[in-house]
PDB file of N, CA and C in Angstrom:
ATOM      1  N   UNK A   1    -119.061  36.595   1.398  1.00  0.00           N
ATOM      2  CA  UNK A   1    -118.518  35.512   0.622  1.00  0.00           C
ATOM      3  C   UNK A   1    -117.789  36.100  -0.574  1.00  0.00           C
ATOM      4  N   UNK A   2    -116.623  35.561  -0.853  1.00  0.00           N
ATOM      5  CA  UNK A   2    -115.853  36.099  -1.963  1.00  0.00           C
ATOM      6  C   UNK A   2    -116.313  35.509  -3.292  1.00  0.00           C
ATOM      7  N   UNK A   3    -115.859  36.112  -4.378  1.00  0.00           N
ATOM      8  CA  UNK A   3    -116.262  35.696  -5.723  1.00  0.00           C
ATOM      9  C   UNK A   3    -115.802  34.276  -6.053  1.00  0.00           C
ATOM     10  N   UNK A   4    -114.642  33.882  -5.556  1.00  0.00           N
ATOM     11  CA  UNK A   4    -114.127  32.545  -5.825  1.00  0.00           C
ATOM     12  C   UNK A   4    -115.040  31.469  -5.218  1.00  0.00           C
ATOM     13  N   UNK A   5    -115.473  31.670  -3.997  1.00  0.00           N
ATOM     14  CA  UNK A   5    -116.373  30.726  -3.347  1.00  0.00           C
ATOM     15  C   UNK A   5    -117.686  30.629  -4.118  1.00  0.00           C
ATOM     16  N   UNK A   6    -118.235  31.757  -4.485  1.00  0.00           N
ATOM     17  CA  UNK A   6    -119.474  31.799  -5.251  1.00  0.00           C
ATOM     18  C   UNK A   6    -119.304  31.031  -6.564  1.00  0.00           C
ATOM     19  N   UNK A   7    -118.230  31.277  -7.268  1.00  0.00           N
ATOM     20  CA  UNK A   7    -117.975  30.599  -8.545  1.00  0.00           C
ATOM     21  C   UNK A   7    -117.839  29.088  -8.349  1.00  0.00           C
ATOM     22  N   UNK A   8    -117.098  28.660  -7.336  1.00  0.00           N
ATOM     23  CA  UNK A   8    -116.916  27.222  -7.087  1.00  0.00           C
ATOM     24  C   UNK A   8    -118.233  26.526  -6.784  1.00  0.00           C
ATOM     25  N   UNK A   9    -119.081  27.160  -6.014  1.00  0.00           N
ATOM     26  CA  UNK A   9    -120.378  26.555  -5.703  1.00  0.00           C
ATOM     27  C   UNK A   9    -121.264  26.473  -6.938  1.00  0.00           C
ATOM     28  N   UNK A  10    -121.236  27.496  -7.759  1.00  0.00           N
ATOM     29  CA  UNK A  10    -122.053  27.454  -8.971  1.00  0.00           C
ATOM     30  C   UNK A  10    -121.541  26.435  -9.981  1.00  0.00           C
ATOM     31  N   UNK A  11    -120.243  26.170 -10.013  1.00  0.00           N
ATOM     32  CA  UNK A  11    -119.725  25.163 -10.939  1.00  0.00           C
ATOM     33  C   UNK A  11    -120.082  23.752 -10.505  1.00  0.00           C
ATOM     34  N   UNK A  12    -120.513  23.578  -9.256  1.00  0.00           N
ATOM     35  CA  UNK A  12    -120.962  22.268  -8.787  1.00  0.00           C
ATOM     36  C   UNK A  12    -122.496  22.218  -8.746  1.00  0.00           C
ATOM     37  N   UNK A  13    -123.140  23.089  -9.512  1.00  0.00           N
ATOM     38  CA  UNK A  13    -124.586  23.097  -9.704  1.00  0.00           C
ATOM     39  C   UNK A  13    -125.394  23.567  -8.500  1.00  0.00           C
ATOM     40  N   UNK A  14    -124.772  24.282  -7.595  1.00  0.00           N
ATOM     41  CA  UNK A  14    -125.527  24.947  -6.538  1.00  0.00           C
ATOM     42  C   UNK A  14    -126.069  26.249  -7.115  1.00  0.00           C
ATOM     43  N   UNK A  15    -127.292  26.577  -6.772  1.00  0.00           N
ATOM     44  CA  UNK A  15    -127.921  27.812  -7.241  1.00  0.00           C
ATOM     45  C   UNK A  15    -128.071  28.742  -6.046  1.00  0.00           C
ATOM     46  N   UNK A  16    -127.604  29.966  -6.215  1.00  0.00           N
ATOM     47  CA  UNK A  16    -127.689  30.943  -5.133  1.00  0.00           C
ATOM     48  C   UNK A  16    -129.118  31.459  -4.995  1.00  0.00           C
ATOM     49  N   UNK A  17    -129.592  31.548  -3.768  1.00  0.00           N
ATOM     50  CA  UNK A  17    -130.928  32.060  -3.494  1.00  0.00           C
ATOM     51  C   UNK A  17    -131.018  33.530  -3.873  1.00  0.00           C
ATOM     52  N   UNK A  18    -132.154  33.924  -4.413  1.00  0.00           N
ATOM     53  CA  UNK A  18    -132.380  35.330  -4.741  1.00  0.00           C
ATOM     54  C   UNK A  18    -132.704  36.148  -3.497  1.00  0.00           C
ATOM     55  N   UNK A  19    -133.112  35.471  -2.429  1.00  0.00           N
ATOM     56  CA  UNK A  19    -133.559  36.155  -1.215  1.00  0.00           C
ATOM     57  C   UNK A  19    -132.465  36.266  -0.154  1.00  0.00           C
ATOM     58  N   UNK A  20    -131.547  35.306  -0.140  1.00  0.00           N
ATOM     59  CA  UNK A  20    -130.438  35.316   0.812  1.00  0.00           C
ATOM     60  C   UNK A  20    -129.189  34.854   0.067  1.00  0.00           C
ATOM     61  N   UNK A  21    -128.256  35.757  -0.143  1.00  0.00           N
ATOM     62  CA  UNK A  21    -127.089  35.461  -0.972  1.00  0.00           C
ATOM     63  C   UNK A  21    -126.101  34.500  -0.328  1.00  0.00           C
ATOM     64  N   UNK A  22    -126.309  34.149   0.920  1.00  0.00           N
ATOM     65  CA  UNK A  22    -125.436  33.177   1.574  1.00  0.00           C
ATOM     66  C   UNK A  22    -126.037  31.772   1.546  1.00  0.00           C
ATOM     67  N   UNK A  23    -127.169  31.610   0.872  1.00  0.00           N
ATOM     68  CA  UNK A  23    -127.875  30.338   0.787  1.00  0.00           C
ATOM     69  C   UNK A  23    -127.764  29.782  -0.627  1.00  0.00           C
ATOM     70  N   UNK A  24    -127.310  28.525  -0.728  1.00  0.00           N
ATOM     71  CA  UNK A  24    -127.174  27.849  -2.021  1.00  0.00           C
ATOM     72  C   UNK A  24    -127.952  26.544  -1.977  1.00  0.00           C
ATOM     73  N   UNK A  25    -128.623  26.218  -3.080  1.00  0.00           N
ATOM     74  CA  UNK A  25    -129.452  25.019  -3.142  1.00  0.00           C
ATOM     75  C   UNK A  25    -129.054  24.197  -4.365  1.00  0.00           C
ATOM     76  N   UNK A  26    -128.944  22.907  -4.140  1.00  0.00           N
ATOM     77  CA  UNK A  26    -128.692  21.966  -5.231  1.00  0.00           C
ATOM     78  C   UNK A  26    -129.820  20.947  -5.183  1.00  0.00           C
ATOM     79  N   UNK A  27    -130.622  20.881  -6.249  1.00  0.00           N
ATOM     80  CA  UNK A  27    -131.837  20.079  -6.214  1.00  0.00           C
ATOM     81  C   UNK A  27    -131.972  19.303  -7.523  1.00  0.00           C
ATOM     82  N   UNK A  28    -132.409  18.059  -7.398  1.00  0.00           N
ATOM     83  CA  UNK A  28    -132.805  17.306  -8.579  1.00  0.00           C
ATOM     84  C   UNK A  28    -134.131  16.620  -8.283  1.00  0.00           C
ATOM     85  N   UNK A  29    -134.558  15.732  -9.140  1.00  0.00           N
ATOM     86  CA  UNK A  29    -135.890  15.143  -8.994  1.00  0.00           C
ATOM     87  C   UNK A  29    -136.047  14.277  -7.746  1.00  0.00           C
ATOM     88  N   UNK A  30    -134.940  13.787  -7.201  1.00  0.00           N
ATOM     89  CA  UNK A  30    -135.066  12.860  -6.076  1.00  0.00           C
ATOM     90  C   UNK A  30    -134.459  13.351  -4.763  1.00  0.00           C
ATOM     91  N   UNK A  31    -133.727  14.462  -4.771  1.00  0.00           N
ATOM     92  CA  UNK A  31    -133.085  14.900  -3.536  1.00  0.00           C
ATOM     93  C   UNK A  31    -132.705  16.376  -3.594  1.00  0.00           C
ATOM     94  N   UNK A  32    -132.279  16.893  -2.434  1.00  0.00           N
ATOM     95  CA  UNK A  32    -131.797  18.269  -2.384  1.00  0.00           C
ATOM     96  C   UNK A  32    -130.735  18.419  -1.306  1.00  0.00           C
ATOM     97  N   UNK A  33    -129.898  19.439  -1.480  1.00  0.00           N
ATOM     98  CA  UNK A  33    -128.906  19.849  -0.488  1.00  0.00           C
ATOM     99  C   UNK A  33    -129.013  21.361  -0.357  1.00  0.00           C
ATOM    100  N   UNK A  34    -129.022  21.826   0.873  1.00  0.00           N
ATOM    101  CA  UNK A  34    -129.013  23.256   1.142  1.00  0.00           C
ATOM    102  C   UNK A  34    -127.691  23.565   1.826  1.00  0.00           C
ATOM    103  N   UNK A  35    -127.000  24.568   1.332  1.00  0.00           N
ATOM    104  CA  UNK A  35    -125.707  24.965   1.863  1.00  0.00           C
ATOM    105  C   UNK A  35    -125.808  26.429   2.270  1.00  0.00           C
ATOM    106  N   UNK A  36    -125.535  26.709   3.537  1.00  0.00           N
ATOM    107  CA  UNK A  36    -125.590  28.065   4.064  1.00  0.00           C
ATOM    108  C   UNK A  36    -124.183  28.472   4.465  1.00  0.00           C
ATOM    109  N   UNK A  37    -123.708  29.581   3.932  1.00  0.00           N
ATOM    110  CA  UNK A  37    -122.362  30.075   4.226  1.00  0.00           C
ATOM    111  C   UNK A  37    -122.488  31.319   5.084  1.00  0.00           C
ATOM    112  N   UNK A  38    -121.877  31.276   6.272  1.00  0.00           N
ATOM    113  CA  UNK A  38    -121.869  32.436   7.155  1.00  0.00           C
ATOM    114  C   UNK A  38    -120.448  32.665   7.630  1.00  0.00           C
ATOM    115  N   UNK A  39    -119.815  33.706   7.124  1.00  0.00           N
ATOM    116  CA  UNK A  39    -118.429  34.079   7.398  1.00  0.00           C
ATOM    117  C   UNK A  39    -117.526  32.883   7.118  1.00  0.00           C
ATOM    118  N   UNK A  40    -117.097  32.155   8.152  1.00  0.00           N
ATOM    119  CA  UNK A  40    -116.219  31.005   7.909  1.00  0.00           C
ATOM    120  C   UNK A  40    -116.888  29.687   8.296  1.00  0.00           C
ATOM    121  N   UNK A  41    -118.211  29.698   8.400  1.00  0.00           N
ATOM    122  CA  UNK A  41    -118.961  28.484   8.711  1.00  0.00           C
ATOM    123  C   UNK A  41    -119.816  28.078   7.521  1.00  0.00           C
ATOM    124  N   UNK A  42    -119.912  26.781   7.290  1.00  0.00           N
ATOM    125  CA  UNK A  42    -120.769  26.241   6.240  1.00  0.00           C
ATOM    126  C   UNK A  42    -121.688  25.210   6.889  1.00  0.00           C
ATOM    127  N   UNK A  43    -122.964  25.369   6.658  1.00  0.00           N
ATOM    128  CA  UNK A  43    -123.947  24.424   7.189  1.00  0.00           C
ATOM    129  C   UNK A  43    -124.579  23.701   6.012  1.00  0.00           C
ATOM    130  N   UNK A  44    -124.580  22.368   6.075  1.00  0.00           N
ATOM    131  CA  UNK A  44    -125.200  21.545   5.047  1.00  0.00           C
ATOM    132  C   UNK A  44    -126.453  20.888   5.607  1.00  0.00           C
ATOM    133  N   UNK A  45    -127.527  20.959   4.857  1.00  0.00           N
ATOM    134  CA  UNK A  45    -128.767  20.273   5.195  1.00  0.00           C
ATOM    135  C   UNK A  45    -129.135  19.455   3.973  1.00  0.00           C
ATOM    136  N   UNK A  46    -129.520  18.200   4.208  1.00  0.00           N
ATOM    137  CA  UNK A  46    -129.808  17.334   3.077  1.00  0.00           C
ATOM    138  C   UNK A  46    -130.957  16.405   3.396  1.00  0.00           C
ATOM    139  N   UNK A  47    -131.543  15.827   2.357  1.00  0.00           N
ATOM    140  CA  UNK A  47    -132.584  14.836   2.567  1.00  0.00           C
ATOM    141  C   UNK A  47    -132.064  13.421   2.326  1.00  0.00           C
ATOM    142  N   UNK A  48    -130.856  13.299   1.801  1.00  0.00           N
ATOM    143  CA  UNK A  48    -130.287  11.985   1.484  1.00  0.00           C
ATOM    144  C   UNK A  48    -128.809  11.989   1.889  1.00  0.00           C
ATOM    145  N   UNK A  49    -128.431  11.077   2.755  1.00  0.00           N
ATOM    146  CA  UNK A  49    -127.067  11.054   3.279  1.00  0.00           C
ATOM    147  C   UNK A  49    -126.017  10.863   2.190  1.00  0.00           C
ATOM    148  N   UNK A  50    -126.321  10.105   1.154  1.00  0.00           N
ATOM    149  CA  UNK A  50    -125.329   9.853   0.105  1.00  0.00           C
ATOM    150  C   UNK A  50    -124.916  11.132  -0.618  1.00  0.00           C
ATOM    151  N   UNK A  51    -125.794  12.144  -0.662  1.00  0.00           N
ATOM    152  CA  UNK A  51    -125.433  13.421  -1.282  1.00  0.00           C
ATOM    153  C   UNK A  51    -124.283  14.106  -0.537  1.00  0.00           C
ATOM    154  N   UNK A  52    -124.261  13.960   0.759  1.00  0.00           N
ATOM    155  CA  UNK A  52    -123.214  14.579   1.568  1.00  0.00           C
ATOM    156  C   UNK A  52    -121.854  13.977   1.249  1.00  0.00           C
ATOM    157  N   UNK A  53    -121.816  12.691   0.940  1.00  0.00           N
ATOM    158  CA  UNK A  53    -120.550  12.025   0.621  1.00  0.00           C
ATOM    159  C   UNK A  53    -119.922  12.557  -0.664  1.00  0.00           C
ATOM    160  N   UNK A  54    -120.697  13.224  -1.479  1.00  0.00           N
ATOM    161  CA  UNK A  54    -120.173  13.852  -2.692  1.00  0.00           C
ATOM    162  C   UNK A  54    -119.733  15.285  -2.409  1.00  0.00           C
ATOM    163  N   UNK A  55    -120.542  16.009  -1.657  1.00  0.00           N
ATOM    164  CA  UNK A  55    -120.283  17.438  -1.421  1.00  0.00           C
ATOM    165  C   UNK A  55    -119.145  17.670  -0.433  1.00  0.00           C
ATOM    166  N   UNK A  56    -119.100  16.897   0.646  1.00  0.00           N
ATOM    167  CA  UNK A  56    -118.079  17.132   1.672  1.00  0.00           C
ATOM    168  C   UNK A  56    -116.645  16.989   1.167  1.00  0.00           C
ATOM    169  N   UNK A  57    -116.308  15.975   0.367  1.00  0.00           N
ATOM    170  CA  UNK A  57    -114.931  15.921  -0.148  1.00  0.00           C
ATOM    171  C   UNK A  57    -114.583  17.130  -1.022  1.00  0.00           C
ATOM    172  N   UNK A  58    -115.535  17.597  -1.816  1.00  0.00           N
ATOM    173  CA  UNK A  58    -115.302  18.794  -2.626  1.00  0.00           C
ATOM    174  C   UNK A  58    -115.013  19.994  -1.733  1.00  0.00           C
ATOM    175  N   UNK A  59    -115.847  20.188  -0.717  1.00  0.00           N
ATOM    176  CA  UNK A  59    -115.647  21.314   0.196  1.00  0.00           C
ATOM    177  C   UNK A  59    -114.327  21.193   0.949  1.00  0.00           C
ATOM    178  N   UNK A  60    -113.993  19.993   1.378  1.00  0.00           N
ATOM    179  CA  UNK A  60    -112.737  19.787   2.109  1.00  0.00           C
ATOM    180  C   UNK A  60    -111.523  20.066   1.236  1.00  0.00           C
ATOM    181  N   UNK A  61    -111.551  19.645  -0.001  1.00  0.00           N
ATOM    182  CA  UNK A  61    -110.431  19.906  -0.914  1.00  0.00           C
ATOM    183  C   UNK A  61    -110.299  21.380  -1.240  1.00  0.00           C
ATOM    184  N   UNK A  62    -111.418  22.072  -1.244  1.00  0.00           N
ATOM    185  CA  UNK A  62    -111.423  23.491  -1.600  1.00  0.00           C
ATOM    186  C   UNK A  62    -111.123  24.392  -0.412  1.00  0.00           C
ATOM    187  N   UNK A  63    -111.711  24.085   0.763  1.00  0.00           N
ATOM    188  CA  UNK A  63    -111.637  24.984   1.910  1.00  0.00           C
ATOM    189  C   UNK A  63    -110.979  24.397   3.155  1.00  0.00           C
ATOM    190  N   UNK A  64    -110.657  23.116   3.171  1.00  0.00           N
ATOM    191  CA  UNK A  64    -110.138  22.442   4.372  1.00  0.00           C
ATOM    192  C   UNK A  64    -111.128  22.586   5.526  1.00  0.00           C
ATOM    193  N   UNK A  65    -112.222  21.876   5.427  1.00  0.00           N
ATOM    194  CA  UNK A  65    -113.289  21.982   6.417  1.00  0.00           C
ATOM    195  C   UNK A  65    -113.067  21.051   7.604  1.00  0.00           C
ATOM    196  N   UNK A  66    -113.767  21.352   8.681  1.00  0.00           N
ATOM    197  CA  UNK A  66    -113.813  20.516   9.868  1.00  0.00           C
ATOM    198  C   UNK A  66    -115.246  20.004   9.984  1.00  0.00           C
ATOM    199  N   UNK A  67    -115.417  18.711  10.083  1.00  0.00           N
ATOM    200  CA  UNK A  67    -116.748  18.132  10.171  1.00  0.00           C
ATOM    201  C   UNK A  67    -117.179  18.057  11.630  1.00  0.00           C
ATOM    202  N   UNK A  68    -118.160  18.843  12.016  1.00  0.00           N
ATOM    203  CA  UNK A  68    -118.638  18.857  13.396  1.00  0.00           C
ATOM    204  C   UNK A  68    -119.880  17.983  13.575  1.00  0.00           C
ATOM    205  N   UNK A  69    -120.291  17.294  12.557  1.00  0.00           N
ATOM    206  CA  UNK A  69    -121.393  16.337  12.506  1.00  0.00           C
ATOM    207  C   UNK A  69    -122.744  16.987  12.777  1.00  0.00           C
ATOM    208  N   UNK A  70    -123.117  17.213  14.026  1.00  0.00           N
ATOM    209  CA  UNK A  70    -124.451  17.734  14.336  1.00  0.00           C
ATOM    210  C   UNK A  70    -124.375  19.193  14.771  1.00  0.00           C
ATOM    211  N   UNK A  71    -125.235  20.001  14.202  1.00  0.00           N
ATOM    212  CA  UNK A  71    -125.310  21.418  14.534  1.00  0.00           C
ATOM    213  C   UNK A  71    -126.008  21.587  15.887  1.00  0.00           C
ATOM    214  N   UNK A  72    -125.339  22.274  16.817  1.00  0.00           N
ATOM    215  CA  UNK A  72    -125.922  22.508  18.137  1.00  0.00           C
ATOM    216  C   UNK A  72    -126.238  23.985  18.352  1.00  0.00           C
ATOM    217  N   UNK A  73    -125.343  24.859  17.909  1.00  0.00           N
ATOM    218  CA  UNK A  73    -125.533  26.296  18.080  1.00  0.00           C
ATOM    219  C   UNK A  73    -125.177  27.017  16.789  1.00  0.00           C
ATOM    220  N   UNK A  74    -125.914  28.077  16.488  1.00  0.00           N
ATOM    221  CA  UNK A  74    -125.637  28.921  15.326  1.00  0.00           C
ATOM    222  C   UNK A  74    -125.942  30.351  15.720  1.00  0.00           C
ATOM    223  N   UNK A  75    -124.946  31.198  15.654  1.00  0.00           N
ATOM    224  CA  UNK A  75    -125.107  32.617  15.977  1.00  0.00           C
ATOM    225  C   UNK A  75    -125.728  32.839  17.349  1.00  0.00           C
ATOM    226  N   UNK A  76    -125.328  32.001  18.303  1.00  0.00           N
ATOM    227  CA  UNK A  76    -125.822  32.132  19.660  1.00  0.00           C
ATOM    228  C   UNK A  76    -127.178  31.497  19.910  1.00  0.00           C
ATOM    229  N   UNK A  77    -127.753  30.869  18.879  1.00  0.00           N
ATOM    230  CA  UNK A  77    -129.048  30.216  19.025  1.00  0.00           C
ATOM    231  C   UNK A  77    -128.859  28.707  19.137  1.00  0.00           C
ATOM    232  N   UNK A  78    -129.584  28.087  20.024  1.00  0.00           N
ATOM    233  CA  UNK A  78    -129.513  26.640  20.158  1.00  0.00           C
ATOM    234  C   UNK A  78    -130.422  26.008  19.105  1.00  0.00           C
ATOM    235  N   UNK A  79    -129.873  25.076  18.337  1.00  0.00           N
ATOM    236  CA  UNK A  79    -130.608  24.394  17.282  1.00  0.00           C
ATOM    237  C   UNK A  79    -131.044  23.025  17.811  1.00  0.00           C
ATOM    238  N   UNK A  80    -132.327  22.765  17.765  1.00  0.00           N
ATOM    239  CA  UNK A  80    -132.840  21.475  18.263  1.00  0.00           C
ATOM    240  C   UNK A  80    -133.654  20.788  17.195  1.00  0.00           C
TER     241      UNK A  80
END
């Protein structure tokens, strides 16, 4: 991940994991979002759907993302 991506995520209150530098977490008292960046893929996991409606437009404006909705495979592993 380049420095620009890291900076953009931190300016939107995502905190980079100390254990995995491709993992970012945004958490408050009522919800959380986990963002995993792997090369040119971004995976979002959330506990509240409304949080995604805030993060996805930001990511799309910054990176021009494609929304694949449900994760089926990651690095050759089937996600169920």
